[in-house]
C-alpha atoms as a PDB file:
ATOM      1  CA  MET A   1      87.860 107.219 128.107  1.00  0.00           C
ATOM      2  CA  TYR A   2      89.595 106.570 124.796  1.00  0.00           C
ATOM      3  CA  ILE A   3      90.904 103.021 124.306  1.00  0.00           C
ATOM      4  CA  PRO A   4      93.396 102.763 121.436  1.00  0.00           C
ATOM      5  CA  SER A   5      92.441 100.484 118.571  1.00  0.00           C
ATOM      6  CA  HIS A   6      96.034 100.625 117.332  1.00  0.00           C
ATOM      7  CA  VAL A   7      99.088 100.280 119.571  1.00  0.00           C
ATOM      8  CA  GLN A   8     102.470 101.124 118.094  1.00  0.00           C
ATOM      9  CA  ILE A   9     105.516 100.167 120.127  1.00  0.00           C
ATOM     10  CA  GLU A  10     108.806 101.395 118.749  1.00  0.00           C
ATOM     11  CA  THR A  11     111.448  98.731 119.356  1.00  0.00           C
ATOM     12  CA  VAL A  12     114.284 100.541 117.531  1.00  0.00           C
ATOM     13  CA  ASN A  13     115.035 104.254 117.828  1.00  0.00           C
ATOM     14  CA  ARG A  14     117.399 106.327 115.667  1.00  0.00           C
ATOM     15  CA  LEU A  15     119.108 103.307 114.089  1.00  0.00           C
ATOM     16  CA  CYS A  16     118.542 102.499 110.419  1.00  0.00           C
ATOM     17  CA  ASN A  17     120.386 101.025 107.455  1.00  0.00           C
ATOM     18  CA  ALA A  18     118.928 103.627 105.058  1.00  0.00           C
ATOM     19  CA  ARG A  19     119.085 107.417 104.856  1.00  0.00           C
ATOM     20  CA  CYS A  20     115.944 108.443 103.009  1.00  0.00           C
ATOM     21  CA  PRO A  21     115.780 112.117 101.936  1.00  0.00           C
ATOM     22  CA  MET A  22     112.148 112.441 103.088  1.00  0.00           C
ATOM     23  CA  CYS A  23     112.968 111.082 106.549  1.00  0.00           C
ATOM     24  CA  THR A  24     113.275 113.590 109.396  1.00  0.00           C
ATOM     25  CA  ILE A  25     114.756 111.259 112.041  1.00  0.00           C
ATOM     26  CA  ARG A  26     118.130 112.261 113.523  1.00  0.00           C
ATOM     27  CA  PHE A  27     119.959 108.967 113.166  1.00  0.00           C
ATOM     28  CA  LYS A  28     123.036 107.815 114.996  1.00  0.00           C
ATOM     29  CA  PRO A  29     125.982 108.136 114.423  1.00  0.00           C
ATOM     30  CA  GLU A  30     125.401 111.409 112.557  1.00  0.00           C
ATOM     31  CA  PHE A  31     123.643 112.758 115.649  1.00  0.00           C
ATOM     32  CA  GLY A  32     124.828 111.778 119.112  1.00  0.00           C
ATOM     33  CA  ASP A  33     122.577 111.185 122.092  1.00  0.00           C
ATOM     34  CA  ASP A  34     123.387 114.694 123.329  1.00  0.00           C
ATOM     35  CA  ALA A  35     122.222 116.362 120.105  1.00  0.00           C
ATOM     36  CA  TYR A  36     119.991 119.406 120.464  1.00  0.00           C
ATOM     37  CA  THR A  37     116.444 119.633 119.105  1.00  0.00           C
ATOM     38  CA  ASP A  38     113.916 122.390 119.637  1.00  0.00           C
ATOM     39  CA  LEU A  39     111.090 119.902 119.045  1.00  0.00           C
ATOM     40  CA  SER A  40     111.498 118.012 122.314  1.00  0.00           C
ATOM     41  CA  TYR A  41     110.117 119.218 125.615  1.00  0.00           C
ATOM     42  CA  ASP A  42     113.651 118.944 127.058  1.00  0.00           C
ATOM     43  CA  ASN A  43     115.562 120.011 123.893  1.00  0.00           C
ATOM     44  CA  THR A  44     117.430 116.700 123.525  1.00  0.00           C
ATOM     45  CA  VAL A  45     116.986 113.861 121.063  1.00  0.00           C
ATOM     46  CA  ARG A  46     115.708 110.570 122.403  1.00  0.00           C
ATOM     47  CA  PRO A  47     118.522 108.061 123.044  1.00  0.00           C
ATOM     48  CA  ALA A  48     119.286 105.655 120.216  1.00  0.00           C
ATOM     49  CA  GLY A  49     118.852 101.970 120.907  1.00  0.00           C
ATOM     50  CA  PHE A  50     116.456  99.054 121.281  1.00  0.00           C
ATOM     51  CA  MET A  51     113.607  98.261 123.643  1.00  0.00           C
ATOM     52  CA  SER A  52     114.559  95.157 125.599  1.00  0.00           C
ATOM     53  CA  LEU A  53     112.311  92.114 125.503  1.00  0.00           C
ATOM     54  CA  GLU A  54     111.762  92.409 129.264  1.00  0.00           C
ATOM     55  CA  LYS A  55     110.538  96.010 129.055  1.00  0.00           C
ATOM     56  CA  PHE A  56     108.420  95.138 126.049  1.00  0.00           C
ATOM     57  CA  LYS A  57     106.669  92.343 127.931  1.00  0.00           C
ATOM     58  CA  LEU A  58     106.025  94.620 130.897  1.00  0.00           C
ATOM     59  CA  ILE A  59     104.213  97.145 128.700  1.00  0.00           C
ATOM     60  CA  VAL A  60     102.293  94.472 126.795  1.00  0.00           C
ATOM     61  CA  GLU A  61     101.069  92.968 130.070  1.00  0.00           C
ATOM     62  CA  LYS A  62      99.551  96.343 130.971  1.00  0.00           C
ATOM     63  CA  LEU A  63      97.668  96.343 127.667  1.00  0.00           C
ATOM     64  CA  GLN A  64      96.381  92.792 128.039  1.00  0.00           C
ATOM     65  CA  PRO A  65      93.014  93.898 129.545  1.00  0.00           C
ATOM     66  CA  HIS A  66      92.304  95.732 126.267  1.00  0.00           C
ATOM     67  CA  VAL A  67      93.184  92.877 123.908  1.00  0.00           C
ATOM     68  CA  GLU A  68      89.673  92.812 122.430  1.00  0.00           C
ATOM     69  CA  SER A  69      89.717  96.548 121.682  1.00  0.00           C
ATOM     70  CA  ILE A  70      93.170  96.616 120.092  1.00  0.00           C
ATOM     71  CA  LYS A  71      92.852  95.699 116.406  1.00  0.00           C
ATOM     72  CA  TYR A  72      96.414  96.463 115.327  1.00  0.00           C
ATOM     73  CA  PHE A  73      99.719  96.090 117.153  1.00  0.00           C
ATOM     74  CA  THR A  74     102.659  97.421 115.161  1.00  0.00           C
ATOM     75  CA  LEU A  75     106.340  97.349 116.081  1.00  0.00           C
ATOM     76  CA  HIS A  76     107.892 100.244 114.216  1.00  0.00           C
ATOM     77  CA  GLY A  77     108.797 103.847 114.862  1.00  0.00           C
ATOM     78  CA  CYS A  78     111.985 105.837 114.363  1.00  0.00           C
ATOM     79  CA  GLY A  79     114.200 102.972 113.248  1.00  0.00           C
ATOM     80  CA  GLU A  80     114.367  99.835 111.108  1.00  0.00           C
ATOM     81  CA  PRO A  81     112.561  97.005 112.961  1.00  0.00           C
ATOM     82  CA  LEU A  82     114.653  94.244 111.390  1.00  0.00           C
ATOM     83  CA  MET A  83     117.698  95.627 113.217  1.00  0.00           C
ATOM     84  CA  ASP A  84     116.049  94.641 116.521  1.00  0.00           C
ATOM     85  CA  PRO A  85     117.672  91.346 117.629  1.00  0.00           C
ATOM     86  CA  THR A  86     114.510  90.288 119.494  1.00  0.00           C
ATOM     87  CA  ILE A  87     111.857  91.371 116.988  1.00  0.00           C
ATOM     88  CA  CYS A  88     110.683  87.788 116.383  1.00  0.00           C
ATOM     89  CA  GLU A  89     110.459  87.026 120.099  1.00  0.00           C
ATOM     90  CA  LYS A  90     108.336  90.140 120.561  1.00  0.00           C
ATOM     91  CA  ILE A  91     105.966  89.097 117.796  1.00  0.00           C
ATOM     92  CA  ALA A  92     105.657  85.585 119.230  1.00  0.00           C
ATOM     93  CA  TYR A  93     104.917  87.016 122.670  1.00  0.00           C
ATOM     94  CA  LEU A  94     102.164  89.269 121.329  1.00  0.00           C
ATOM     95  CA  LYS A  95     100.566  86.353 119.521  1.00  0.00           C
ATOM     96  CA  SER A  96     100.737  84.217 122.671  1.00  0.00           C
ATOM     97  CA  CYS A  97      98.831  86.998 124.457  1.00  0.00           C
ATOM     98  CA  GLY A  98      96.064  86.953 121.855  1.00  0.00           C
ATOM     99  CA  PHE A  99      96.769  90.263 120.095  1.00  0.00           C
ATOM    100  CA  ARG A 100      95.611  90.721 116.499  1.00  0.00           C
ATOM    101  CA  GLY A 101      97.065  92.634 113.584  1.00  0.00           C
ATOM    102  CA  VAL A 102     100.668  92.160 114.715  1.00  0.00           C
ATOM    103  CA  GLY A 103     103.252  93.440 112.270  1.00  0.00           C
ATOM    104  CA  PHE A 104     105.556  96.261 111.248  1.00  0.00           C
ATOM    105  CA  SER A 105     106.797  98.259 108.278  1.00  0.00           C
ATOM    106  CA  THR A 106     110.276  97.651 106.928  1.00  0.00           C
ATOM    107  CA  ASN A 107     112.502  98.679 104.038  1.00  0.00           C
ATOM    108  CA  CYS A 108     113.065  94.911 103.528  1.00  0.00           C
ATOM    109  CA  HIS A 109     116.818  95.126 102.914  1.00  0.00           C
ATOM    110  CA  LEU A 110     117.481  92.881 105.934  1.00  0.00           C
ATOM    111  CA  LEU A 111     114.612  90.501 105.116  1.00  0.00           C
ATOM    112  CA  THR A 112     116.834  87.483 104.486  1.00  0.00           C
ATOM    113  CA  GLU A 113     115.423  84.004 103.983  1.00  0.00           C
ATOM    114  CA  LYS A 114     116.414  83.134 107.544  1.00  0.00           C
ATOM    115  CA  MET A 115     114.649  86.216 108.891  1.00  0.00           C
ATOM    116  CA  SER A 116     111.592  85.494 106.756  1.00  0.00           C
ATOM    117  CA  ASN A 117     111.304  82.009 108.216  1.00  0.00           C
ATOM    118  CA  ARG A 118     111.739  83.353 111.742  1.00  0.00           C
ATOM    119  CA  LEU A 119     108.992  85.927 111.226  1.00  0.00           C
ATOM    120  CA  LEU A 120     106.656  83.284 109.848  1.00  0.00           C
ATOM    121  CA  ASP A 121     107.495  80.978 112.755  1.00  0.00           C
ATOM    122  CA  ALA A 122     106.677  83.818 115.166  1.00  0.00           C
ATOM    123  CA  GLY A 123     103.227  84.212 113.616  1.00  0.00           C
ATOM    124  CA  ILE A 124     103.468  87.697 112.129  1.00  0.00           C
ATOM    125  CA  ASP A 125     100.064  88.846 110.875  1.00  0.00           C
ATOM    126  CA  THR A 126     101.084  91.645 108.509  1.00  0.00           C
ATOM    127  CA  LEU A 127     104.393  92.580 106.909  1.00  0.00           C
ATOM    128  CA  ILE A 128     104.316  96.110 105.482  1.00  0.00           C
ATOM    129  CA  CYS A 129     106.933  96.350 102.732  1.00  0.00           C
ATOM    130  CA  SER A 130     107.955  99.957 102.079  1.00  0.00           C
ATOM    131  CA  ILE A 131     109.163  99.781  98.478  1.00  0.00           C
ATOM    132  CA  ASP A 132     109.130 103.166  96.807  1.00  0.00           C
ATOM    133  CA  GLY A 133     109.864 102.474  93.180  1.00  0.00           C
ATOM    134  CA  PHE A 134     110.302  99.932  90.418  1.00  0.00           C
ATOM    135  CA  SER A 135     113.632 100.953  88.894  1.00  0.00           C
ATOM    136  CA  ALA A 136     116.957 100.867  90.689  1.00  0.00           C
ATOM    137  CA  ARG A 137     117.219 104.605  90.044  1.00  0.00           C
ATOM    138  CA  ALA A 138     114.020 105.397  91.914  1.00  0.00           C
ATOM    139  CA  VAL A 139     114.460 102.920  94.766  1.00  0.00           C
ATOM    140  CA  GLU A 140     118.084 103.821  95.435  1.00  0.00           C
ATOM    141  CA  THR A 141     117.418 107.568  95.171  1.00  0.00           C
ATOM    142  CA  ILE A 142     114.577 107.374  97.677  1.00  0.00           C
ATOM    143  CA  ARG A 143     116.274 104.731  99.874  1.00  0.00           C
ATOM    144  CA  PRO A 144     120.008 105.575  99.848  1.00  0.00           C
ATOM    145  CA  ARG A 145     122.358 102.803 101.083  1.00  0.00           C
ATOM    146  CA  LEU A 146     119.920 100.106  99.949  1.00  0.00           C
ATOM    147  CA  LYS A 147     119.920  98.028  96.755  1.00  0.00           C
ATOM    148  CA  ARG A 148     116.779  97.632  94.689  1.00  0.00           C
ATOM    149  CA  ASP A 149     117.425  94.072  93.532  1.00  0.00           C
ATOM    150  CA  LYS A 150     118.111  92.840  97.055  1.00  0.00           C
ATOM    151  CA  ILE A 151     114.848  94.341  98.305  1.00  0.00           C
ATOM    152  CA  TYR A 152     112.823  92.812  95.483  1.00  0.00           C
ATOM    153  CA  THR A 153     114.455  89.398  95.886  1.00  0.00           C
ATOM    154  CA  ASN A 154     113.858  89.427  99.642  1.00  0.00           C
ATOM    155  CA  VAL A 155     110.161  90.274  99.387  1.00  0.00           C
ATOM    156  CA  GLU A 156     109.544  87.840  96.551  1.00  0.00           C
ATOM    157  CA  ARG A 157     111.175  85.077  98.600  1.00  0.00           C
ATOM    158  CA  PHE A 158     109.105  85.971 101.673  1.00  0.00           C
ATOM    159  CA  LEU A 159     105.955  85.603  99.581  1.00  0.00           C
ATOM    160  CA  GLU A 160     107.145  82.242  98.250  1.00  0.00           C
ATOM    161  CA  LEU A 161     107.969  80.940 101.729  1.00  0.00           C
ATOM    162  CA  ARG A 162     104.659  82.180 103.089  1.00  0.00           C
ATOM    163  CA  ASP A 163     102.755  80.427 100.312  1.00  0.00           C
ATOM    164  CA  GLU A 164     104.793  77.211 100.574  1.00  0.00           C
ATOM    165  CA  ARG A 165     103.967  77.012 104.268  1.00  0.00           C
ATOM    166  CA  ASP A 166     100.406  78.207 103.724  1.00  0.00           C
ATOM    167  CA  ALA A 167     101.001  80.653 106.565  1.00  0.00           C
ATOM    168  CA  LYS A 168      98.239  83.139 107.321  1.00  0.00           C
ATOM    169  CA  SER A 169     100.541  86.173 107.214  1.00  0.00           C
ATOM    170  CA  ARG A 170      99.462  88.921 104.832  1.00  0.00           C
ATOM    171  CA  VAL A 171     101.758  91.267 102.939  1.00  0.00           C
ATOM    172  CA  LEU A 172     101.067  94.921 102.271  1.00  0.00           C
ATOM    173  CA  ILE A 173     103.198  96.382  99.472  1.00  0.00           C
ATOM    174  CA  ARG A 174     103.368 100.128 100.143  1.00  0.00           C
ATOM    175  CA  PHE A 175     104.283 102.789  97.595  1.00  0.00           C
ATOM    176  CA  ILE A 176     104.846 106.355  98.816  1.00  0.00           C
ATOM    177  CA  GLU A 177     104.153 108.456  95.740  1.00  0.00           C
ATOM    178  CA  GLN A 178     106.559 111.333  95.105  1.00  0.00           C
ATOM    179  CA  MET A 179     108.274 113.106  92.240  1.00  0.00           C
ATOM    180  CA  ASP A 180     111.110 110.554  92.047  1.00  0.00           C
ATOM    181  CA  ASN A 181     108.822 107.562  91.470  1.00  0.00           C
ATOM    182  CA  TYR A 182     105.271 108.466  90.420  1.00  0.00           C
ATOM    183  CA  LEU A 183     105.824 107.654  86.728  1.00  0.00           C
ATOM    184  CA  GLU A 184     106.806 104.077  87.630  1.00  0.00           C
ATOM    185  CA  PHE A 185     103.679 103.018  89.451  1.00  0.00           C
ATOM    186  CA  ASP A 186     102.097 101.083  86.574  1.00  0.00           C
ATOM    187  CA  GLU A 187     105.189  98.871  86.225  1.00  0.00           C
ATOM    188  CA  TYR A 188     105.431  98.550  89.995  1.00  0.00           C
ATOM    189  CA  PHE A 189     101.795  97.525  90.275  1.00  0.00           C
ATOM    190  CA  ALA A 190     102.044  94.946  87.481  1.00  0.00           C
ATOM    191  CA  HIS A 191     105.098  93.365  89.089  1.00  0.00           C
ATOM    192  CA  TRP A 192     103.641  92.993  92.568  1.00  0.00           C
ATOM    193  CA  ASP A 193     100.075  92.267  91.503  1.00  0.00           C
ATOM    194  CA  ALA A 194     101.377  89.113  89.819  1.00  0.00           C
ATOM    195  CA  ARG A 195     102.906  87.962  93.109  1.00  0.00           C
ATOM    196  CA  VAL A 196     100.538  88.914  95.930  1.00  0.00           C
ATOM    197  CA  SER A 197      97.673  86.657  96.952  1.00  0.00           C
ATOM    198  CA  SER A 198      93.994  87.538  97.187  1.00  0.00           C
ATOM    199  CA  ARG A 199      93.501  84.424  99.312  1.00  0.00           C
ATOM    200  CA  LYS A 200      95.914  85.852 101.898  1.00  0.00           C
ATOM    201  CA  ASN A 201      94.300  89.319 101.743  1.00  0.00           C
ATOM    202  CA  ASP A 202      97.503  90.901 100.477  1.00  0.00           C
ATOM    203  CA  GLU A 203      97.279  94.505  99.316  1.00  0.00           C
ATOM    204  CA  ILE A 204      99.162  96.991  97.187  1.00  0.00           C
ATOM    205  CA  VAL A 205      98.601 100.504  98.499  1.00  0.00           C
ATOM    206  CA  LYS A 206      99.668 103.940  97.330  1.00  0.00           C
ATOM    207  CA  PHE A 207      99.968 107.021  99.535  1.00  0.00           C
ATOM    208  CA  PRO A 208     101.017 110.538  98.579  1.00  0.00           C
ATOM    209  CA  ILE A 209     104.147 111.576 100.450  1.00  0.00           C
ATOM    210  CA  HIS A 210     103.392 113.543 103.629  1.00  0.00           C
ATOM    211  CA  ASN A 211     105.409 116.247 105.339  1.00  0.00           C
ATOM    212  CA  CYS A 212     105.765 114.611 108.792  1.00  0.00           C
ATOM    213  CA  GLY A 213     104.339 117.499 110.739  1.00  0.00           C
ATOM    214  CA  GLY A 214     105.826 120.105 108.427  1.00  0.00           C
ATOM    215  CA  LYS A 215     109.390 118.878 108.968  1.00  0.00           C
ATOM    216  CA  VAL A 216     110.307 117.385 105.559  1.00  0.00           C
ATOM    217  CA  GLU A 217     112.855 119.596 103.815  1.00  0.00           C
ATOM    218  CA  ASP A 218     112.088 120.745 100.262  1.00  0.00           C
ATOM    219  CA  PHE A 219     108.671 119.114 100.538  1.00  0.00           C
ATOM    220  CA  GLU A 220     107.160 121.264  97.794  1.00  0.00           C
ATOM    221  CA  ASN A 221     109.567 119.698  95.284  1.00  0.00           C
ATOM    222  CA  LYS A 222     108.989 116.142  96.522  1.00  0.00           C
ATOM    223  CA  VAL A 223     105.184 116.010  96.476  1.00  0.00           C
ATOM    224  CA  VAL A 224     103.437 115.249  93.190  1.00  0.00           C
ATOM    225  CA  PRO A 225     101.150 118.174  92.276  1.00  0.00           C
ATOM    226  CA  GLY A 226      97.489 117.318  92.666  1.00  0.00           C
ATOM    227  CA  THR A 227      97.990 114.285  94.907  1.00  0.00           C
ATOM    228  CA  GLY A 228      96.199 115.970  97.794  1.00  0.00           C
ATOM    229  CA  SER A 229      99.142 116.085 100.152  1.00  0.00           C
ATOM    230  CA  SER A 230     100.794 119.409  99.383  1.00  0.00           C
ATOM    231  CA  LEU A 231      98.691 121.578 101.705  1.00  0.00           C
ATOM    232  CA  PHE A 232      95.370 121.357 103.487  1.00  0.00           C
ATOM    233  CA  SER A 233      92.559 123.234 101.812  1.00  0.00           C
ATOM    234  CA  ASP A 234      89.795 124.904 103.787  1.00  0.00           C
ATOM    235  CA  ASP A 235      87.193 122.784 102.004  1.00  0.00           C
ATOM    236  CA  TYR A 236      89.011 119.589 102.921  1.00  0.00           C
ATOM    237  CA  ALA A 237      89.440 120.677 106.521  1.00  0.00           C
ATOM    238  CA  LYS A 238      85.710 121.288 106.849  1.00  0.00           C
ATOM    239  CA  SER A 239      84.705 117.902 105.407  1.00  0.00           C
ATOM    240  CA  ASP A 240      82.992 115.350 107.614  1.00  0.00           C
ATOM    241  CA  GLY A 241      85.241 112.974 109.482  1.00  0.00           C
ATOM    242  CA  PHE A 242      88.383 115.071 109.222  1.00  0.00           C
ATOM    243  CA  LEU A 243      90.051 113.849 112.400  1.00  0.00           C
ATOM    244  CA  CYS A 244      93.622 112.796 113.061  1.00  0.00           C
ATOM    245  CA  PRO A 245      93.535 109.009 113.597  1.00  0.00           C
ATOM    246  CA  ASP A 246      96.695 109.124 115.698  1.00  0.00           C
ATOM    247  CA  LEU A 247      95.175 111.339 118.375  1.00  0.00           C
ATOM    248  CA  PHE A 248      91.971 109.343 118.655  1.00  0.00           C
ATOM    249  CA  GLU A 249      93.007 105.771 117.839  1.00  0.00           C
ATOM    250  CA  ARG A 250      96.762 105.152 118.018  1.00  0.00           C
ATOM    251  CA  LEU A 251      98.834 104.799 121.190  1.00  0.00           C
ATOM    252  CA  ILE A 252     102.518 105.353 120.456  1.00  0.00           C
ATOM    253  CA  VAL A 253     105.125 104.014 122.864  1.00  0.00           C
ATOM    254  CA  PHE A 254     108.758 104.968 122.300  1.00  0.00           C
ATOM    255  CA  ALA A 255     111.669 102.561 122.746  1.00  0.00           C
ATOM    256  CA  ASN A 256     112.389 104.019 126.202  1.00  0.00           C
ATOM    257  CA  GLY A 257     108.773 103.444 127.254  1.00  0.00           C
ATOM    258  CA  ARG A 258     107.711 107.071 127.007  1.00  0.00           C
ATOM    259  CA  ILE A 259     104.541 108.113 125.186  1.00  0.00           C
ATOM    260  CA  GLY A 260     104.465 110.012 121.907  1.00  0.00           C
ATOM    261  CA  LEU A 261     101.702 112.317 120.750  1.00  0.00           C
ATOM    262  CA  CYS A 262     101.412 111.026 117.187  1.00  0.00           C
ATOM    263  CA  SER A 263     103.362 109.488 114.321  1.00  0.00           C
ATOM    264  CA  SER A 264     104.987 112.824 113.453  1.00  0.00           C
ATOM    265  CA  ASP A 265     106.291 113.081 117.024  1.00  0.00           C
ATOM    266  CA  GLN A 266     109.829 111.733 116.707  1.00  0.00           C
ATOM    267  CA  ASP A 267     111.376 113.859 119.449  1.00  0.00           C
ATOM    268  CA  GLU A 268     108.863 113.616 122.312  1.00  0.00           C
ATOM    269  CA  TYR A 269     107.005 116.895 121.985  1.00  0.00           C
ATOM    270  CA  PHE A 270     105.528 116.635 125.485  1.00  0.00           C
ATOM    271  CA  ASP A 271     106.362 115.053 128.828  1.00  0.00           C
ATOM    272  CA  ILE A 272     103.315 112.768 128.774  1.00  0.00           C
ATOM    273  CA  GLY A 273     104.716 109.922 130.847  1.00  0.00           C
ATOM    274  CA  ASN A 274     106.254 106.456 130.672  1.00  0.00           C
ATOM    275  CA  ALA A 275     104.343 103.219 130.071  1.00  0.00           C
ATOM    276  CA  LEU A 276     106.928 101.315 132.102  1.00  0.00           C
ATOM    277  CA  PHE A 277     105.795 103.097 135.250  1.00  0.00           C
ATOM    278  CA  SER A 278     102.183 104.088 134.481  1.00  0.00           C
ATOM    279  CA  ASP A 279      99.088 102.656 132.858  1.00  0.00           C
ATOM    280  CA  PRO A 280      99.577 103.333 129.116  1.00  0.00           C
ATOM    281  CA  VAL A 281      95.836 103.740 128.501  1.00  0.00           C
ATOM    282  CA  GLU A 282      95.602 106.321 131.278  1.00  0.00           C
ATOM    283  CA  LEU A 283      98.468 108.194 129.624  1.00  0.00           C
ATOM    284  CA  PHE A 284      96.527 108.014 126.339  1.00  0.00           C
ATOM    285  CA  ASN A 285      93.820 109.991 128.156  1.00  0.00           C
ATOM    286  CA  SER A 286      96.135 112.532 129.775  1.00  0.00           C
ATOM    287  CA  ASP A 287      95.753 116.305 129.640  1.00  0.00           C
ATOM    288  CA  VAL A 288      97.813 116.733 126.460  1.00  0.00           C
ATOM    289  CA  PHE A 289      95.668 114.287 124.508  1.00  0.00           C
ATOM    290  CA  GLU A 290      92.467 115.795 125.892  1.00  0.00           C
ATOM    291  CA  ARG A 291      93.525 119.275 124.805  1.00  0.00           C
ATOM    292  CA  TYR A 292      94.500 118.202 121.290  1.00  0.00           C
ATOM    293  CA  ARG A 293      91.360 116.109 120.800  1.00  0.00           C
ATOM    294  CA  ALA A 294      89.127 118.945 121.985  1.00  0.00           C
ATOM    295  CA  GLU A 295      90.633 121.333 119.430  1.00  0.00           C
ATOM    296  CA  TRP A 296      90.232 118.804 116.618  1.00  0.00           C
ATOM    297  CA  LEU A 297      86.620 118.138 117.551  1.00  0.00           C
ATOM    298  CA  LYS A 298      85.978 121.883 117.406  1.00  0.00           C
ATOM    299  CA  GLY A 299      87.680 122.136 113.992  1.00  0.00           C
ATOM    300  CA  ARG A 300      90.487 124.247 115.445  1.00  0.00           C
ATOM    301  CA  TRP A 301      93.431 122.029 114.552  1.00  0.00           C
ATOM    302  CA  ARG A 302      95.124 124.991 112.847  1.00  0.00           C
ATOM    303  CA  GLU A 303      95.654 126.479 116.311  1.00  0.00           C
ATOM    304  CA  LEU A 304      97.765 123.504 117.441  1.00  0.00           C
ATOM    305  CA  ASP A 305     101.522 123.860 117.090  1.00  0.00           C
ATOM    306  CA  HIS A 306     102.166 120.344 115.803  1.00  0.00           C
ATOM    307  CA  CYS A 307      99.078 120.019 113.591  1.00  0.00           C
ATOM    308  CA  ARG A 308      98.670 123.222 111.609  1.00  0.00           C
ATOM    309  CA  THR A 309     101.232 122.344 108.929  1.00  0.00           C
ATOM    310  CA  CYS A 310     101.026 118.538 109.121  1.00  0.00           C
ATOM    311  CA  SER A 311      99.718 116.608 106.104  1.00  0.00           C
ATOM    312  CA  ILE A 312      99.816 113.072 107.543  1.00  0.00           C
ATOM    313  CA  THR A 313      96.050 112.844 108.018  1.00  0.00           C
ATOM    314  CA  GLN A 314      95.410 114.087 104.504  1.00  0.00           C
ATOM    315  CA  SER A 315      97.925 111.620 103.069  1.00  0.00           C
ATOM    316  CA  ARG A 316      96.262 108.707 104.852  1.00  0.00           C
ATOM    317  CA  ASN A 317      92.817 109.782 103.712  1.00  0.00           C
ATOM    318  CA  ALA A 318      94.154 109.829 100.141  1.00  0.00           C
ATOM    319  CA  LYS A 319      95.400 106.232 100.385  1.00  0.00           C
ATOM    320  CA  GLN A 320      94.500 104.071  97.415  1.00  0.00           C
ATOM    321  CA  THR A 321      94.250 100.297  97.703  1.00  0.00           C
ATOM    322  CA  VAL A 322      94.884  99.228  94.146  1.00  0.00           C
ATOM    323  CA  SER A 323      95.578  95.490  94.256  1.00  0.00           C
ATOM    324  CA  THR A 324      93.330  92.854  92.770  1.00  0.00           C
ATOM    325  CA  ALA A 325      93.789  91.100  96.113  1.00  0.00           C
ATOM    326  CA  ALA A 326      91.715  93.819  97.742  1.00  0.00           C
ATOM    327  CA  LEU A 327      89.079  93.652  95.021  1.00  0.00           C
ATOM    328  CA  ALA A 328      88.714  89.907  95.486  1.00  0.00           C
ATOM    329  CA  SER A 329      88.393  90.034  99.269  1.00  0.00           C
END
C-alpha cells in the first residue's frame, strides 16, 4: 500500500485575485459552476468555493494515523489560499495534530502585515512565495491584476516579522522561469538573497515553466528554449528514477473532499471518491492510481491520456535551488 508523504488539501477552488496567462484554471466569475469541460469525468467544472473548517478537520482526522509518514502538508490547489477566511485556523489545527511541513504557495498580494502575524501565530512551517519577476513589467505581465511593489513589500515585511519574532517558519522564494522573466533572474536573486536567512533554511528556487498536463496555451512561446521543459526527450524518459512524484507520493484532496489524480488534474479527471466519506489513503490506492502507477513503472507513461504531453515531472526534476541559504544548510 502506498502512503502519501505529501498531502495537499485545496481549501480554495476557482477563486483568485490574479489571472495569470500560464494558468489553466477556469475561475469564477468568468466561468459559472455549470460550465462545460471535457476534462472532467462528468463534463462539469468543480464548484467554486472554500472548504469549511469542519470538513477540513474531518479529513485531517482520517490522516492522523499516518502523521509520521506525511512529511509535507500543503494547503493550495486551484485558488489563492489567502482568500480562505479560515486558512490560519486550518494551519493551527494541523500543527496541533503534529503534522510537519505545513504551508502553502501564494502570490503574496494579500499577505498584509496582519495576515503575516496571523500565519506566524498559527505556526506555519513554510510559506512558498510565487514571485515571477523582478521588474514591474515582468511581474504584472505574468500576474495580471497584481502590483509588483505590493508583493515585494508584503514578502519583505513577512521576513522582517518572522525574524523579529525568531519564528521557525521558513520562506521559499519561487521563480517560474519563462520568456517574460528569464533575463531578470540575476537581479531577482540578488534582491532576495540579501533578505532570506540561512539560519531559517530559507531557499530561492527556480523552475522552468511547465505545461500543466499539456493544457497551457501558446506554451511553445512561453518556455525558455533549452530549459528542459519544452518536451520530453526519449533519453530523459529512459533515465533512472523518471517517475511522477504526484502519482507515487502526493495525495490531492479537492475543496469538495473529492480526490484528484495529480497536480495537473484541475477538473477531476476520474471519479476516484471523496475523502469526507471514505478513507483517503485507501482512495490513494484505488484502481485508477494502481493503473497509472503500473504504466509508469513499466515506462509506458506515453500511453496514459493525462501524462503523455505533461511536463510537470520534468520541470520539477529541473528545479534549481540557488540561494546561499541552501548552501549554508
